[in-house]
Amino acid sequence: MKYTVESLEPKVDDFLDPLLDHAGLDLDYELATPDNRHPEVENPEVTVRFSGPDVELLLANRAELLLALEHLTMEALRLPPEDHSLISFDANDYRLLRVEELRMSALAAADKVKRTRVPFHFNPMTSRERRVIHLALRDEKELRSESVGVGPARAVVVVPADMPTPPQTPHYGGRGNGHDSRFGGGRREGRGGDRGGGHGDARRGGHRPGGDRGGNRPPRGGRGGGPR
């Protein structure tokens, strides 16, 4: 195992604690070793789980803030890109539910492409979400899935197996399930997530706006072991 709760906890605390204080977010978090229910999709070694009154802010707009915090933390810890998938941020089992939702969306898109022979474009997704779509359709013989576009606009298109890959179409409304290529708009979708229970938890005291933390956190620089 490359990363553990014990090795990451001080570094994550040093970055997230002041960030959440300055943002005025009322959140708790804990580091845990997850019980990965879909290891073929995501198999992190450590999960940072958030809770508290402001969790809904993290999950708004397809968990945009949660994913941004995850990305910023990976950069602050200077983890190599190939290791980013080994640490996962989650709240309210968002990631587990999201995986299940994407799988159902992939199957629905496949059925539609088979019936209509019209390519289906999903709205832009993260690389992890695109992987869910590709894995869900990997055994299909009548169609294929491909990633198209670059950067934040990169998305999955599902096409009949004998048809050339169509050009990427414009998307509207952020990350969502997708749309048939005869239409320009994208459908928005509900939330989901990916995390199981774990062990080796390292808890963080409650965050209150203005830096008023709850819990029994030791002073910075003198952190001890055990739950916080």
C-alpha atoms as a PDB file:
ATOM      1  CA  MET A   1       0.000   0.000   0.000  1.00  0.00           C
ATOM      2  CA  LYS A   2       1.494   3.322  -1.086  1.00  0.00           C
ATOM      3  CA  TYR A   3      -0.613   5.672   1.058  1.00  0.00           C
ATOM      4  CA  THR A   4      -2.089   5.236   4.536  1.00  0.00           C
ATOM      5  CA  VAL A   5      -4.266   7.297   6.863  1.00  0.00           C
ATOM      6  CA  GLU A   6      -1.301   7.803   9.159  1.00  0.00           C
ATOM      7  CA  SER A   7       1.037   9.033   6.421  1.00  0.00           C
ATOM      8  CA  LEU A   8      -1.467  11.412   4.823  1.00  0.00           C
ATOM      9  CA  GLU A   9      -3.331  12.784   7.828  1.00  0.00           C
ATOM     10  CA  PRO A  10      -0.854  15.515   8.890  1.00  0.00           C
ATOM     11  CA  LYS A  11      -0.384  16.742   5.320  1.00  0.00           C
ATOM     12  CA  VAL A  12      -4.113  16.807   4.575  1.00  0.00           C
ATOM     13  CA  ASP A  13      -4.797  18.608   7.868  1.00  0.00           C
ATOM     14  CA  ASP A  14      -2.162  21.255   7.166  1.00  0.00           C
ATOM     15  CA  PHE A  15      -3.806  22.077   3.835  1.00  0.00           C
ATOM     16  CA  LEU A  16      -7.523  21.584   4.490  1.00  0.00           C
ATOM     17  CA  ASP A  17      -7.822  23.117   7.980  1.00  0.00           C
ATOM     18  CA  PRO A  18      -6.846  26.692   7.022  1.00  0.00           C
ATOM     19  CA  LEU A  19      -8.604  26.411   3.670  1.00  0.00           C
ATOM     20  CA  LEU A  20     -11.942  25.474   5.261  1.00  0.00           C
ATOM     21  CA  ASP A  21     -11.487  28.138   7.943  1.00  0.00           C
ATOM     22  CA  HIS A  22     -10.893  30.888   5.386  1.00  0.00           C
ATOM     23  CA  ALA A  23     -13.840  29.662   3.309  1.00  0.00           C
ATOM     24  CA  GLY A  24     -16.124  29.712   6.359  1.00  0.00           C
ATOM     25  CA  LEU A  25     -17.405  26.209   5.656  1.00  0.00           C
ATOM     26  CA  ASP A  26     -19.068  24.363   8.550  1.00  0.00           C
ATOM     27  CA  LEU A  27     -17.626  20.917   7.864  1.00  0.00           C
ATOM     28  CA  ASP A  28     -16.010  17.958   9.596  1.00  0.00           C
ATOM     29  CA  TYR A  29     -13.850  15.414   7.825  1.00  0.00           C
ATOM     30  CA  GLU A  30     -12.147  12.133   8.572  1.00  0.00           C
ATOM     31  CA  LEU A  31      -9.533  10.077   6.778  1.00  0.00           C
ATOM     32  CA  ALA A  32     -10.342   6.382   6.466  1.00  0.00           C
ATOM     33  CA  THR A  33      -9.258   3.225   4.697  1.00  0.00           C
ATOM     34  CA  PRO A  34     -12.285   2.532   2.457  1.00  0.00           C
ATOM     35  CA  ASP A  35     -14.154  -0.647   1.678  1.00  0.00           C
ATOM     36  CA  ASN A  36     -14.095  -0.277  -2.103  1.00  0.00           C
ATOM     37  CA  ARG A  37     -17.246  -1.751  -3.604  1.00  0.00           C
ATOM     38  CA  HIS A  38     -16.264  -1.139  -7.245  1.00  0.00           C
ATOM     39  CA  PRO A  39     -12.492  -1.708  -7.382  1.00  0.00           C
ATOM     40  CA  GLU A  40     -12.587  -2.042 -11.173  1.00  0.00           C
ATOM     41  CA  VAL A  41     -13.759   1.591 -11.332  1.00  0.00           C
ATOM     42  CA  GLU A  42     -12.175   3.214  -8.284  1.00  0.00           C
ATOM     43  CA  ASN A  43      -9.870   1.597  -5.763  1.00  0.00           C
ATOM     44  CA  PRO A  44      -8.518   4.358  -3.510  1.00  0.00           C
ATOM     45  CA  GLU A  45      -6.244   3.550  -0.586  1.00  0.00           C
ATOM     46  CA  VAL A  46      -7.497   6.476   1.507  1.00  0.00           C
ATOM     47  CA  THR A  47     -10.833   8.307   1.515  1.00  0.00           C
ATOM     48  CA  VAL A  48     -11.450  11.765   2.989  1.00  0.00           C
ATOM     49  CA  ARG A  49     -15.087  11.773   4.122  1.00  0.00           C
ATOM     50  CA  PHE A  50     -16.884  15.042   4.805  1.00  0.00           C
ATOM     51  CA  SER A  51     -19.892  15.661   7.030  1.00  0.00           C
ATOM     52  CA  GLY A  52     -21.577  18.634   8.661  1.00  0.00           C
ATOM     53  CA  PRO A  53     -24.134  21.362   7.906  1.00  0.00           C
ATOM     54  CA  ASP A  54     -22.397  22.545   4.722  1.00  0.00           C
ATOM     55  CA  VAL A  55     -22.088  19.145   3.020  1.00  0.00           C
ATOM     56  CA  GLU A  56     -24.830  20.098   0.562  1.00  0.00           C
ATOM     57  CA  LEU A  57     -22.601  22.913  -0.690  1.00  0.00           C
ATOM     58  CA  LEU A  58     -19.931  20.334  -1.499  1.00  0.00           C
ATOM     59  CA  LEU A  59     -22.409  18.233  -3.470  1.00  0.00           C
ATOM     60  CA  ALA A  60     -24.143  21.036  -5.357  1.00  0.00           C
ATOM     61  CA  ASN A  61     -23.755  21.156  -9.151  1.00  0.00           C
ATOM     62  CA  ARG A  62     -22.549  17.548  -9.495  1.00  0.00           C
ATOM     63  CA  ALA A  63     -20.248  17.789  -6.463  1.00  0.00           C
ATOM     64  CA  GLU A  64     -18.261  20.546  -8.128  1.00  0.00           C
ATOM     65  CA  LEU A  65     -16.822  21.893  -4.862  1.00  0.00           C
ATOM     66  CA  LEU A  66     -16.024  18.418  -3.506  1.00  0.00           C
ATOM     67  CA  LEU A  67     -14.093  17.520  -6.656  1.00  0.00           C
ATOM     68  CA  ALA A  68     -12.336  20.898  -6.643  1.00  0.00           C
ATOM     69  CA  LEU A  69     -11.193  20.363  -3.042  1.00  0.00           C
ATOM     70  CA  GLU A  70      -9.932  16.920  -4.009  1.00  0.00           C
ATOM     71  CA  HIS A  71      -7.965  18.289  -6.955  1.00  0.00           C
ATOM     72  CA  LEU A  72      -6.479  21.169  -4.958  1.00  0.00           C
ATOM     73  CA  THR A  73      -5.418  18.832  -2.177  1.00  0.00           C
ATOM     74  CA  MET A  74      -3.701  16.475  -4.617  1.00  0.00           C
ATOM     75  CA  GLU A  75      -1.797  19.425  -6.066  1.00  0.00           C
ATOM     76  CA  ALA A  76      -0.915  20.833  -2.624  1.00  0.00           C
ATOM     77  CA  LEU A  77       0.433  17.435  -1.540  1.00  0.00           C
ATOM     78  CA  ARG A  78       2.403  17.291  -4.803  1.00  0.00           C
ATOM     79  CA  LEU A  79       1.145  13.827  -5.615  1.00  0.00           C
ATOM     80  CA  PRO A  80       2.024  12.602  -9.103  1.00  0.00           C
ATOM     81  CA  PRO A  81      -0.986  12.492 -11.458  1.00  0.00           C
ATOM     82  CA  GLU A  82      -0.916   8.706 -11.596  1.00  0.00           C
ATOM     83  CA  ASP A  83      -1.500   8.608  -7.807  1.00  0.00           C
ATOM     84  CA  HIS A  84      -4.528  10.916  -7.727  1.00  0.00           C
ATOM     85  CA  SER A  85      -6.908   7.973  -7.984  1.00  0.00           C
ATOM     86  CA  LEU A  86      -5.463   6.493  -4.777  1.00  0.00           C
ATOM     87  CA  ILE A  87      -7.037   9.235  -2.646  1.00  0.00           C
ATOM     88  CA  SER A  88     -10.733   9.974  -2.869  1.00  0.00           C
ATOM     89  CA  PHE A  89     -12.919  12.728  -1.389  1.00  0.00           C
ATOM     90  CA  ASP A  90     -16.512  11.810  -0.589  1.00  0.00           C
ATOM     91  CA  ALA A  91     -19.654  12.914   1.266  1.00  0.00           C
ATOM     92  CA  ASN A  92     -22.979  11.159   1.807  1.00  0.00           C
ATOM     93  CA  ASP A  93     -21.802   8.211  -0.329  1.00  0.00           C
ATOM     94  CA  TYR A  94     -21.834  10.475  -3.388  1.00  0.00           C
ATOM     95  CA  ARG A  95     -19.300   8.423  -5.309  1.00  0.00           C
ATOM     96  CA  LEU A  96     -21.000   5.069  -4.810  1.00  0.00           C
ATOM     97  CA  LEU A  97     -24.372   6.406  -5.941  1.00  0.00           C
ATOM     98  CA  ARG A  98     -22.756   8.221  -8.850  1.00  0.00           C
ATOM     99  CA  VAL A  99     -21.172   5.001 -10.126  1.00  0.00           C
ATOM    100  CA  GLU A 100     -24.524   3.212 -10.059  1.00  0.00           C
ATOM    101  CA  GLU A 101     -26.205   6.130 -11.809  1.00  0.00           C
ATOM    102  CA  LEU A 102     -23.580   6.272 -14.549  1.00  0.00           C
ATOM    103  CA  ARG A 103     -23.861   2.538 -15.159  1.00  0.00           C
ATOM    104  CA  MET A 104     -27.611   2.830 -15.634  1.00  0.00           C
ATOM    105  CA  SER A 105     -27.125   5.824 -17.925  1.00  0.00           C
ATOM    106  CA  ALA A 106     -24.601   3.864 -20.000  1.00  0.00           C
ATOM    107  CA  LEU A 107     -27.009   0.954 -20.459  1.00  0.00           C
ATOM    108  CA  ALA A 108     -29.860   3.299 -21.370  1.00  0.00           C
ATOM    109  CA  ALA A 109     -27.625   5.069 -23.926  1.00  0.00           C
ATOM    110  CA  ALA A 110     -26.564   1.728 -25.405  1.00  0.00           C
ATOM    111  CA  ASP A 111     -30.165   0.634 -25.819  1.00  0.00           C
ATOM    112  CA  LYS A 112     -31.030   3.913 -27.543  1.00  0.00           C
ATOM    113  CA  VAL A 113     -28.071   3.713 -29.942  1.00  0.00           C
ATOM    114  CA  LYS A 114     -28.981   0.144 -30.881  1.00  0.00           C
ATOM    115  CA  ARG A 115     -32.572   1.147 -31.612  1.00  0.00           C
ATOM    116  CA  THR A 116     -31.925   4.392 -33.461  1.00  0.00           C
ATOM    117  CA  ARG A 117     -28.353   4.020 -34.757  1.00  0.00           C
ATOM    118  CA  VAL A 118     -27.860   7.633 -33.728  1.00  0.00           C
ATOM    119  CA  PRO A 119     -24.697   8.433 -31.711  1.00  0.00           C
ATOM    120  CA  PHE A 120     -25.296   9.414 -28.094  1.00  0.00           C
ATOM    121  CA  HIS A 121     -23.112  12.133 -26.544  1.00  0.00           C
ATOM    122  CA  PHE A 122     -22.711  12.251 -22.785  1.00  0.00           C
ATOM    123  CA  ASN A 123     -22.041  15.626 -21.256  1.00  0.00           C
ATOM    124  CA  PRO A 124     -18.455  16.346 -20.103  1.00  0.00           C
ATOM    125  CA  MET A 125     -17.283  14.182 -17.203  1.00  0.00           C
ATOM    126  CA  THR A 126     -14.178  13.583 -15.131  1.00  0.00           C
ATOM    127  CA  SER A 127     -11.799  10.826 -16.230  1.00  0.00           C
ATOM    128  CA  ARG A 128     -13.107   8.600 -13.422  1.00  0.00           C
ATOM    129  CA  GLU A 129     -16.693   9.016 -14.586  1.00  0.00           C
ATOM    130  CA  ARG A 130     -15.788   8.365 -18.217  1.00  0.00           C
ATOM    131  CA  ARG A 131     -14.110   5.150 -17.106  1.00  0.00           C
ATOM    132  CA  VAL A 132     -17.392   3.978 -15.548  1.00  0.00           C
ATOM    133  CA  ILE A 133     -19.152   4.429 -18.916  1.00  0.00           C
ATOM    134  CA  HIS A 134     -16.419   2.617 -20.843  1.00  0.00           C
ATOM    135  CA  LEU A 135     -16.371  -0.320 -18.411  1.00  0.00           C
ATOM    136  CA  ALA A 136     -20.158  -0.623 -18.459  1.00  0.00           C
ATOM    137  CA  LEU A 137     -20.123  -0.957 -22.268  1.00  0.00           C
ATOM    138  CA  ARG A 138     -16.902  -2.909 -22.791  1.00  0.00           C
ATOM    139  CA  ASP A 139     -18.692  -6.172 -23.656  1.00  0.00           C
ATOM    140  CA  GLU A 140     -21.075  -4.629 -26.200  1.00  0.00           C
ATOM    141  CA  LYS A 141     -20.603  -6.007 -29.736  1.00  0.00           C
ATOM    142  CA  GLU A 142     -22.963  -3.710 -31.638  1.00  0.00           C
ATOM    143  CA  LEU A 143     -21.513  -0.429 -30.414  1.00  0.00           C
ATOM    144  CA  ARG A 144     -18.456   1.177 -28.862  1.00  0.00           C
ATOM    145  CA  SER A 145     -17.740   4.082 -26.518  1.00  0.00           C
ATOM    146  CA  GLU A 146     -14.993   6.635 -27.084  1.00  0.00           C
ATOM    147  CA  SER A 147     -13.772   9.747 -25.276  1.00  0.00           C
ATOM    148  CA  VAL A 148     -13.742  12.893 -27.395  1.00  0.00           C
ATOM    149  CA  GLY A 149     -12.768  16.492 -26.761  1.00  0.00           C
ATOM    150  CA  VAL A 150     -10.033  17.957 -24.590  1.00  0.00           C
ATOM    151  CA  GLY A 151      -9.703  19.311 -21.066  1.00  0.00           C
ATOM    152  CA  PRO A 152     -12.912  20.092 -19.163  1.00  0.00           C
ATOM    153  CA  ALA A 153     -14.954  19.461 -22.332  1.00  0.00           C
ATOM    154  CA  ARG A 154     -13.799  15.854 -22.695  1.00  0.00           C
ATOM    155  CA  ALA A 155     -16.804  13.535 -22.887  1.00  0.00           C
ATOM    156  CA  VAL A 156     -17.946  10.059 -23.941  1.00  0.00           C
ATOM    157  CA  VAL A 157     -19.787   9.307 -27.163  1.00  0.00           C
ATOM    158  CA  VAL A 158     -21.523   5.982 -27.821  1.00  0.00           C
ATOM    159  CA  VAL A 159     -21.742   4.986 -31.499  1.00  0.00           C
ATOM    160  CA  PRO A 160     -22.688   1.931 -33.573  1.00  0.00           C
ATOM    161  CA  ALA A 161     -19.641  -0.291 -34.022  1.00  0.00           C
ATOM    162  CA  ASP A 162     -19.517   0.239 -37.794  1.00  0.00           C
ATOM    163  CA  MET A 163     -19.922   4.036 -37.687  1.00  0.00           C
ATOM    164  CA  PRO A 164     -17.072   6.605 -37.633  1.00  0.00           C
ATOM    165  CA  THR A 165     -16.707   8.630 -34.461  1.00  0.00           C
ATOM    166  CA  PRO A 166     -18.759  11.849 -34.856  1.00  0.00           C
ATOM    167  CA  PRO A 167     -17.299  15.244 -33.951  1.00  0.00           C
ATOM    168  CA  GLN A 168     -17.884  16.534 -30.461  1.00  0.00           C
ATOM    169  CA  THR A 169     -21.079  18.564 -30.082  1.00  0.00           C
ATOM    170  CA  PRO A 170     -21.652  21.582 -27.794  1.00  0.00           C
ATOM    171  CA  HIS A 171     -22.884  20.847 -24.281  1.00  0.00           C
ATOM    172  CA  TYR A 172     -24.990  22.964 -22.002  1.00  0.00           C
ATOM    173  CA  GLY A 173     -25.744  22.792 -18.293  1.00  0.00           C
ATOM    174  CA  GLY A 174     -22.477  21.299 -17.004  1.00  0.00           C
ATOM    175  CA  ARG A 175     -21.848  17.617 -16.394  1.00  0.00           C
ATOM    176  CA  GLY A 176     -24.890  15.471 -16.933  1.00  0.00           C
ATOM    177  CA  ASN A 177     -26.154  12.245 -18.454  1.00  0.00           C
ATOM    178  CA  GLY A 178     -25.982  13.392 -22.060  1.00  0.00           C
ATOM    179  CA  HIS A 179     -28.035  13.715 -25.186  1.00  0.00           C
ATOM    180  CA  ASP A 180     -28.655  12.154 -28.523  1.00  0.00           C
ATOM    181  CA  SER A 181     -26.573  13.857 -31.212  1.00  0.00           C
ATOM    182  CA  ARG A 182     -29.665  15.183 -32.987  1.00  0.00           C
ATOM    183  CA  PHE A 183     -30.135  17.680 -30.171  1.00  0.00           C
ATOM    184  CA  GLY A 184     -27.876  20.359 -28.756  1.00  0.00           C
ATOM    185  CA  GLY A 185     -28.792  20.440 -25.061  1.00  0.00           C
ATOM    186  CA  GLY A 186     -27.740  18.116 -22.285  1.00  0.00           C
ATOM    187  CA  ARG A 187     -29.927  16.657 -19.567  1.00  0.00           C
ATOM    188  CA  ARG A 188     -28.981  17.249 -15.976  1.00  0.00           C
ATOM    189  CA  GLU A 189     -28.903  14.351 -13.603  1.00  0.00           C
ATOM    190  CA  GLY A 190     -29.088  13.655  -9.904  1.00  0.00           C
ATOM    191  CA  ARG A 191     -26.290  12.989  -7.494  1.00  0.00           C
ATOM    192  CA  GLY A 192     -24.437   9.846  -6.757  1.00  0.00           C
ATOM    193  CA  GLY A 193     -21.236   8.663  -5.082  1.00  0.00           C
ATOM    194  CA  ASP A 194     -18.644   5.961  -4.431  1.00  0.00           C
ATOM    195  CA  ARG A 195     -17.527   4.946  -1.014  1.00  0.00           C
ATOM    196  CA  GLY A 196     -18.001   2.240   1.501  1.00  0.00           C
ATOM    197  CA  GLY A 197     -17.304   2.004   5.190  1.00  0.00           C
ATOM    198  CA  GLY A 198     -13.735   1.709   6.350  1.00  0.00           C
ATOM    199  CA  HIS A 199     -11.349   1.379   9.220  1.00  0.00           C
ATOM    200  CA  GLY A 200      -8.364   3.301  10.415  1.00  0.00           C
ATOM    201  CA  ASP A 201     -10.484   6.457  10.719  1.00  0.00           C
ATOM    202  CA  ALA A 202      -8.816   9.739  11.654  1.00  0.00           C
ATOM    203  CA  ARG A 203     -11.428  12.310  12.556  1.00  0.00           C
ATOM    204  CA  ARG A 204     -11.240  16.062  12.390  1.00  0.00           C
ATOM    205  CA  GLY A 205     -13.110  18.367  14.735  1.00  0.00           C
ATOM    206  CA  GLY A 206     -16.025  20.422  13.466  1.00  0.00           C
ATOM    207  CA  HIS A 207     -15.259  23.496  11.393  1.00  0.00           C
ATOM    208  CA  ARG A 208     -17.120  26.653  12.227  1.00  0.00           C
ATOM    209  CA  PRO A 209     -16.944  29.904  10.258  1.00  0.00           C
ATOM    210  CA  GLY A 210     -14.173  32.110  11.505  1.00  0.00           C
ATOM    211  CA  GLY A 211     -12.044  29.155  12.605  1.00  0.00           C
ATOM    212  CA  ASP A 212     -14.086  28.141  15.689  1.00  0.00           C
ATOM    213  CA  ARG A 213     -13.340  24.416  15.595  1.00  0.00           C
ATOM    214  CA  GLY A 214     -15.129  21.838  17.653  1.00  0.00           C
ATOM    215  CA  GLY A 215     -13.836  18.478  18.812  1.00  0.00           C
ATOM    216  CA  ASN A 216     -10.712  17.737  20.788  1.00  0.00           C
ATOM    217  CA  ARG A 217      -8.065  18.611  18.255  1.00  0.00           C
ATOM    218  CA  PRO A 218      -4.550  19.009  19.670  1.00  0.00           C
ATOM    219  CA  PRO A 219      -2.720  22.242  18.809  1.00  0.00           C
ATOM    220  CA  ARG A 220      -1.127  22.383  15.376  1.00  0.00           C
ATOM    221  CA  GLY A 221       2.322  20.944  15.471  1.00  0.00           C
ATOM    222  CA  GLY A 222       1.516  18.691  18.439  1.00  0.00           C
ATOM    223  CA  ARG A 223      -1.017  16.309  16.927  1.00  0.00           C
ATOM    224  CA  GLY A 224      -1.353  12.980  18.640  1.00  0.00           C
ATOM    225  CA  GLY A 225      -2.771   9.716  17.422  1.00  0.00           C
ATOM    226  CA  GLY A 226      -6.300   8.434  17.663  1.00  0.00           C
ATOM    227  CA  PRO A 227      -9.721   9.879  16.809  1.00  0.00           C
ATOM    228  CA  ARG A 228     -10.177  13.629  16.751  1.00  0.00           C
END
